[in-house]
């Protein structure tokens, strides 16, 4: 499934396997909880939340990514929030957690 929005303060959310959730307005939220899914945001002060097993998130410069890592039974083992700063976390690059570390997906 896919959910996409483009207005300011908009929200897009998905929960199915391999889903994509994307927003492009300022102060927006994209969230996904389906296994192997992607949350993508553009726009100032936006946040992408990737909460499913092997989920990924990406955003434009200044956005925030919230990444969860789950084990094979679905239990959360790690959680990390990072800002797309252009140095450590690059814009428009997908990231995920692996063994508690933020990595390029």
N, C-alpha and C. Protein backbone atom coordinates (compact mmCIF):
# COMPACT_ATOMS: atom_id res chain seq x y z
N UNK A 1 0.83 -1.20 0.00
CA UNK A 1 0.00 0.00 0.00
C UNK A 1 0.87 1.25 0.00
N UNK A 2 0.30 2.34 -0.43
CA UNK A 2 1.00 3.62 -0.49
C UNK A 2 0.09 4.71 0.06
N UNK A 3 0.65 5.59 0.86
CA UNK A 3 -0.06 6.78 1.32
C UNK A 3 0.84 7.97 1.06
N UNK A 4 0.31 8.99 0.41
CA UNK A 4 1.10 10.18 0.09
C UNK A 4 0.27 11.43 0.30
N UNK A 5 0.88 12.46 0.89
CA UNK A 5 0.21 13.74 1.10
C UNK A 5 1.17 14.86 0.74
N UNK A 6 0.62 16.06 0.49
CA UNK A 6 1.51 17.16 0.12
C UNK A 6 1.19 18.48 0.81
N UNK A 7 0.24 18.54 1.68
CA UNK A 7 -0.09 19.79 2.35
C UNK A 7 0.68 20.00 3.64
N UNK A 8 0.75 21.25 4.06
CA UNK A 8 1.39 21.58 5.33
C UNK A 8 0.68 20.88 6.47
N UNK A 9 1.46 20.36 7.43
CA UNK A 9 0.97 19.66 8.61
C UNK A 9 0.17 18.41 8.25
N UNK A 10 0.50 17.77 7.16
CA UNK A 10 -0.22 16.58 6.73
C UNK A 10 0.38 15.32 7.34
N UNK A 11 -0.39 14.24 7.29
CA UNK A 11 0.05 12.96 7.83
C UNK A 11 -0.26 11.86 6.82
N UNK A 12 0.70 10.98 6.62
CA UNK A 12 0.51 9.79 5.80
C UNK A 12 0.95 8.60 6.62
N UNK A 13 0.15 7.55 6.65
CA UNK A 13 0.48 6.37 7.45
C UNK A 13 0.11 5.10 6.70
N UNK A 14 0.97 4.09 6.81
CA UNK A 14 0.72 2.79 6.22
C UNK A 14 1.09 1.70 7.21
N UNK A 15 0.54 0.50 7.01
CA UNK A 15 0.84 -0.58 7.94
C UNK A 15 0.99 -1.94 7.27
N UNK A 16 1.02 -2.01 5.98
CA UNK A 16 1.14 -3.29 5.28
C UNK A 16 2.58 -3.58 4.88
N UNK A 17 2.90 -4.83 4.61
CA UNK A 17 4.24 -5.26 4.20
C UNK A 17 4.66 -4.51 2.94
N UNK A 18 5.88 -3.97 2.94
CA UNK A 18 6.43 -3.30 1.77
C UNK A 18 5.75 -2.00 1.40
N UNK A 19 5.08 -1.35 2.33
CA UNK A 19 4.34 -0.12 2.07
C UNK A 19 5.26 1.09 1.99
N UNK A 20 4.75 2.17 1.40
CA UNK A 20 5.45 3.44 1.38
C UNK A 20 4.52 4.52 1.91
N UNK A 21 5.05 5.33 2.81
CA UNK A 21 4.34 6.47 3.37
C UNK A 21 5.18 7.70 3.10
N UNK A 22 4.60 8.72 2.44
CA UNK A 22 5.41 9.89 2.06
C UNK A 22 4.61 11.18 2.23
N UNK A 23 5.29 12.23 2.68
CA UNK A 23 4.70 13.57 2.77
C UNK A 23 5.70 14.58 2.23
N UNK A 24 5.17 15.70 1.74
CA UNK A 24 6.07 16.74 1.23
C UNK A 24 5.78 18.12 1.80
N UNK A 25 4.83 18.27 2.68
CA UNK A 25 4.53 19.58 3.27
C UNK A 25 5.34 19.84 4.53
N UNK A 26 5.51 21.12 4.85
CA UNK A 26 6.20 21.49 6.09
C UNK A 26 5.44 20.97 7.30
N UNK A 27 6.20 20.61 8.35
CA UNK A 27 5.65 20.12 9.61
C UNK A 27 4.72 18.93 9.43
N UNK A 28 5.12 18.01 8.55
CA UNK A 28 4.31 16.83 8.24
C UNK A 28 4.90 15.57 8.87
N UNK A 29 4.12 14.49 8.86
CA UNK A 29 4.55 13.22 9.43
C UNK A 29 4.24 12.09 8.45
N UNK A 30 5.21 11.23 8.24
CA UNK A 30 5.01 9.99 7.50
C UNK A 30 5.37 8.86 8.44
N UNK A 31 4.49 7.89 8.57
CA UNK A 31 4.73 6.78 9.50
C UNK A 31 4.36 5.47 8.84
N UNK A 32 5.15 4.45 9.13
CA UNK A 32 4.85 3.11 8.61
C UNK A 32 5.21 2.08 9.66
N UNK A 33 4.42 1.01 9.72
CA UNK A 33 4.71 -0.07 10.66
C UNK A 33 4.75 -1.42 9.97
N UNK A 34 4.55 -1.48 8.67
CA UNK A 34 4.61 -2.75 7.95
C UNK A 34 6.04 -3.21 7.76
N UNK A 35 6.24 -4.51 7.80
CA UNK A 35 7.57 -5.07 7.61
C UNK A 35 8.15 -4.63 6.27
N UNK A 36 9.42 -4.22 6.27
CA UNK A 36 10.11 -3.82 5.06
C UNK A 36 9.59 -2.57 4.40
N UNK A 37 8.92 -1.71 5.14
CA UNK A 37 8.30 -0.51 4.59
C UNK A 37 9.22 0.70 4.65
N UNK A 38 8.79 1.79 3.99
CA UNK A 38 9.57 3.02 3.89
C UNK A 38 8.71 4.22 4.30
N UNK A 39 9.28 5.11 5.13
CA UNK A 39 8.66 6.39 5.45
C UNK A 39 9.57 7.48 4.90
N UNK A 40 8.99 8.41 4.14
CA UNK A 40 9.79 9.46 3.51
C UNK A 40 9.12 10.81 3.73
N UNK A 41 9.94 11.82 4.12
CA UNK A 41 9.41 13.17 4.33
C UNK A 41 10.27 14.21 3.64
N UNK A 42 9.61 15.27 3.22
CA UNK A 42 10.24 16.48 2.71
C UNK A 42 9.51 17.64 3.37
N UNK A 43 10.15 18.77 3.49
CA UNK A 43 9.50 19.92 4.12
C UNK A 43 10.06 20.17 5.50
N UNK A 44 10.17 21.43 5.86
CA UNK A 44 10.75 21.81 7.14
C UNK A 44 9.99 21.23 8.32
N UNK A 45 10.74 20.84 9.34
CA UNK A 45 10.20 20.35 10.61
C UNK A 45 9.32 19.12 10.45
N UNK A 46 9.62 18.28 9.47
CA UNK A 46 8.85 17.06 9.25
C UNK A 46 9.55 15.87 9.89
N UNK A 47 8.79 14.77 10.09
CA UNK A 47 9.32 13.59 10.76
C UNK A 47 8.85 12.34 10.04
N UNK A 48 9.78 11.40 9.88
CA UNK A 48 9.47 10.09 9.30
C UNK A 48 9.66 9.05 10.40
N UNK A 49 8.65 8.21 10.61
CA UNK A 49 8.68 7.18 11.64
C UNK A 49 8.61 5.81 10.98
N UNK A 50 9.65 5.02 11.14
CA UNK A 50 9.71 3.68 10.59
C UNK A 50 9.70 2.70 11.76
N UNK A 51 8.55 2.08 12.01
CA UNK A 51 8.40 1.27 13.21
C UNK A 51 8.27 -0.21 13.01
N UNK A 52 8.29 -0.70 11.78
CA UNK A 52 8.13 -2.12 11.52
C UNK A 52 9.44 -2.85 11.38
N UNK A 53 9.36 -4.16 11.24
CA UNK A 53 10.54 -5.02 11.08
C UNK A 53 11.25 -4.64 9.78
N UNK A 54 12.54 -4.32 9.87
CA UNK A 54 13.39 -3.94 8.75
C UNK A 54 12.81 -2.77 7.94
N UNK A 55 12.19 -1.81 8.62
CA UNK A 55 11.68 -0.59 7.98
C UNK A 55 12.81 0.39 7.73
N UNK A 56 12.55 1.31 6.81
CA UNK A 56 13.53 2.34 6.45
C UNK A 56 12.85 3.70 6.49
N UNK A 57 13.67 4.74 6.65
CA UNK A 57 13.16 6.11 6.62
C UNK A 57 14.17 7.00 5.91
N UNK A 58 13.65 8.04 5.25
CA UNK A 58 14.51 9.04 4.62
C UNK A 58 13.82 10.38 4.69
N UNK A 59 14.63 11.43 4.58
CA UNK A 59 14.06 12.78 4.63
C UNK A 59 14.99 13.79 4.00
N UNK A 60 14.44 14.96 3.79
CA UNK A 60 15.25 16.06 3.27
C UNK A 60 16.00 16.72 4.43
N UNK A 61 16.93 17.59 4.10
CA UNK A 61 17.77 18.26 5.09
C UNK A 61 16.92 18.92 6.17
N UNK A 62 17.25 18.66 7.43
CA UNK A 62 16.56 19.25 8.56
C UNK A 62 15.43 18.40 9.11
N UNK A 63 14.97 17.40 8.38
CA UNK A 63 13.90 16.52 8.86
C UNK A 63 14.44 15.55 9.91
N UNK A 64 13.54 14.93 10.63
CA UNK A 64 13.89 13.94 11.64
C UNK A 64 13.44 12.56 11.21
N UNK A 65 14.25 11.54 11.57
CA UNK A 65 13.93 10.14 11.31
C UNK A 65 13.87 9.41 12.64
N UNK A 66 12.79 8.67 12.85
CA UNK A 66 12.67 7.83 14.04
C UNK A 66 12.68 6.39 13.54
N UNK A 67 13.68 5.63 13.99
CA UNK A 67 13.89 4.28 13.50
C UNK A 67 13.76 3.27 14.63
N UNK A 68 12.97 2.24 14.40
CA UNK A 68 12.85 1.15 15.36
C UNK A 68 13.49 -0.09 14.77
N UNK A 69 14.12 -0.88 15.62
CA UNK A 69 14.63 -2.19 15.21
C UNK A 69 13.86 -3.24 15.99
N UNK A 70 13.38 -4.24 15.26
CA UNK A 70 12.61 -5.32 15.88
C UNK A 70 13.30 -6.66 15.63
N UNK A 71 13.09 -7.58 16.57
CA UNK A 71 13.61 -8.93 16.36
C UNK A 71 12.61 -9.74 15.53
N UNK A 72 12.91 -10.98 15.27
CA UNK A 72 12.05 -11.83 14.44
C UNK A 72 10.67 -12.07 15.02
N UNK A 73 10.51 -11.87 16.33
CA UNK A 73 9.21 -12.02 16.96
C UNK A 73 8.43 -10.70 17.01
N UNK A 74 9.03 -9.62 16.52
CA UNK A 74 8.35 -8.32 16.49
C UNK A 74 8.59 -7.44 17.70
N UNK A 75 9.39 -7.90 18.65
CA UNK A 75 9.69 -7.08 19.83
C UNK A 75 10.70 -5.99 19.45
N UNK A 76 10.49 -4.78 19.94
CA UNK A 76 11.43 -3.68 19.68
C UNK A 76 12.69 -3.92 20.50
N UNK A 77 13.83 -3.91 19.80
CA UNK A 77 15.12 -4.10 20.47
C UNK A 77 15.91 -2.80 20.58
N UNK A 78 15.70 -1.88 19.65
CA UNK A 78 16.38 -0.58 19.67
C UNK A 78 15.46 0.48 19.06
N UNK A 79 15.68 1.72 19.48
CA UNK A 79 14.94 2.86 18.94
C UNK A 79 15.89 4.05 18.89
N UNK A 80 15.87 4.78 17.78
CA UNK A 80 16.79 5.90 17.61
C UNK A 80 16.10 7.01 16.83
N UNK A 81 16.33 8.25 17.23
CA UNK A 81 15.87 9.42 16.49
C UNK A 81 17.09 10.21 16.05
N UNK A 82 17.13 10.55 14.75
CA UNK A 82 18.27 11.29 14.20
C UNK A 82 17.75 12.39 13.28
N UNK A 83 18.50 13.48 13.21
CA UNK A 83 18.15 14.56 12.30
C UNK A 83 18.99 14.45 11.03
N UNK A 84 18.35 14.70 9.89
CA UNK A 84 19.06 14.73 8.62
C UNK A 84 19.88 16.01 8.61
N UNK A 85 21.19 15.86 8.85
CA UNK A 85 22.07 17.02 9.02
C UNK A 85 22.96 17.28 7.81
N UNK A 86 22.95 16.37 6.84
CA UNK A 86 23.77 16.54 5.64
C UNK A 86 25.18 16.02 5.82
N UNK A 87 25.58 15.69 7.03
CA UNK A 87 26.93 15.17 7.29
C UNK A 87 26.86 13.69 7.67
N UNK A 88 26.41 13.42 8.88
CA UNK A 88 26.28 12.03 9.32
C UNK A 88 25.08 11.37 8.66
N UNK A 89 23.97 12.06 8.64
CA UNK A 89 22.74 11.56 8.02
C UNK A 89 22.47 12.41 6.78
N UNK A 90 22.54 11.77 5.63
CA UNK A 90 22.42 12.47 4.34
C UNK A 90 20.97 12.60 3.91
N UNK A 91 20.64 13.72 3.21
CA UNK A 91 19.30 13.88 2.69
C UNK A 91 19.01 12.86 1.58
N UNK A 92 17.77 12.44 1.53
CA UNK A 92 17.27 11.55 0.48
C UNK A 92 18.02 10.23 0.38
N UNK A 93 18.52 9.75 1.51
CA UNK A 93 19.14 8.44 1.62
C UNK A 93 18.34 7.66 2.66
N UNK A 94 18.02 6.41 2.35
CA UNK A 94 17.24 5.58 3.28
C UNK A 94 18.15 5.04 4.39
N UNK A 95 17.64 5.08 5.62
CA UNK A 95 18.35 4.57 6.79
C UNK A 95 17.48 3.59 7.55
N UNK A 96 18.16 2.70 8.28
CA UNK A 96 17.48 1.76 9.15
C UNK A 96 18.39 1.47 10.34
N UNK A 97 17.89 0.75 11.32
CA UNK A 97 18.71 0.32 12.45
C UNK A 97 19.13 -1.13 12.26
N UNK A 98 20.39 -1.40 12.57
CA UNK A 98 20.89 -2.77 12.56
C UNK A 98 21.80 -2.90 13.76
N UNK A 99 21.48 -3.80 14.66
CA UNK A 99 22.19 -4.00 15.93
C UNK A 99 22.36 -2.69 16.70
N UNK A 100 21.32 -1.86 16.65
CA UNK A 100 21.30 -0.61 17.40
C UNK A 100 22.03 0.54 16.75
N UNK A 101 22.55 0.35 15.56
CA UNK A 101 23.28 1.40 14.86
C UNK A 101 22.52 1.86 13.62
N UNK A 102 22.53 3.17 13.37
CA UNK A 102 21.90 3.73 12.18
C UNK A 102 22.80 3.45 10.98
N UNK A 103 22.24 2.77 9.97
CA UNK A 103 23.02 2.44 8.77
C UNK A 103 22.23 2.82 7.52
N UNK A 104 22.94 2.99 6.40
CA UNK A 104 22.27 3.18 5.13
C UNK A 104 21.59 1.88 4.76
N UNK A 105 20.36 2.00 4.30
CA UNK A 105 19.59 0.80 3.96
C UNK A 105 19.86 0.36 2.54
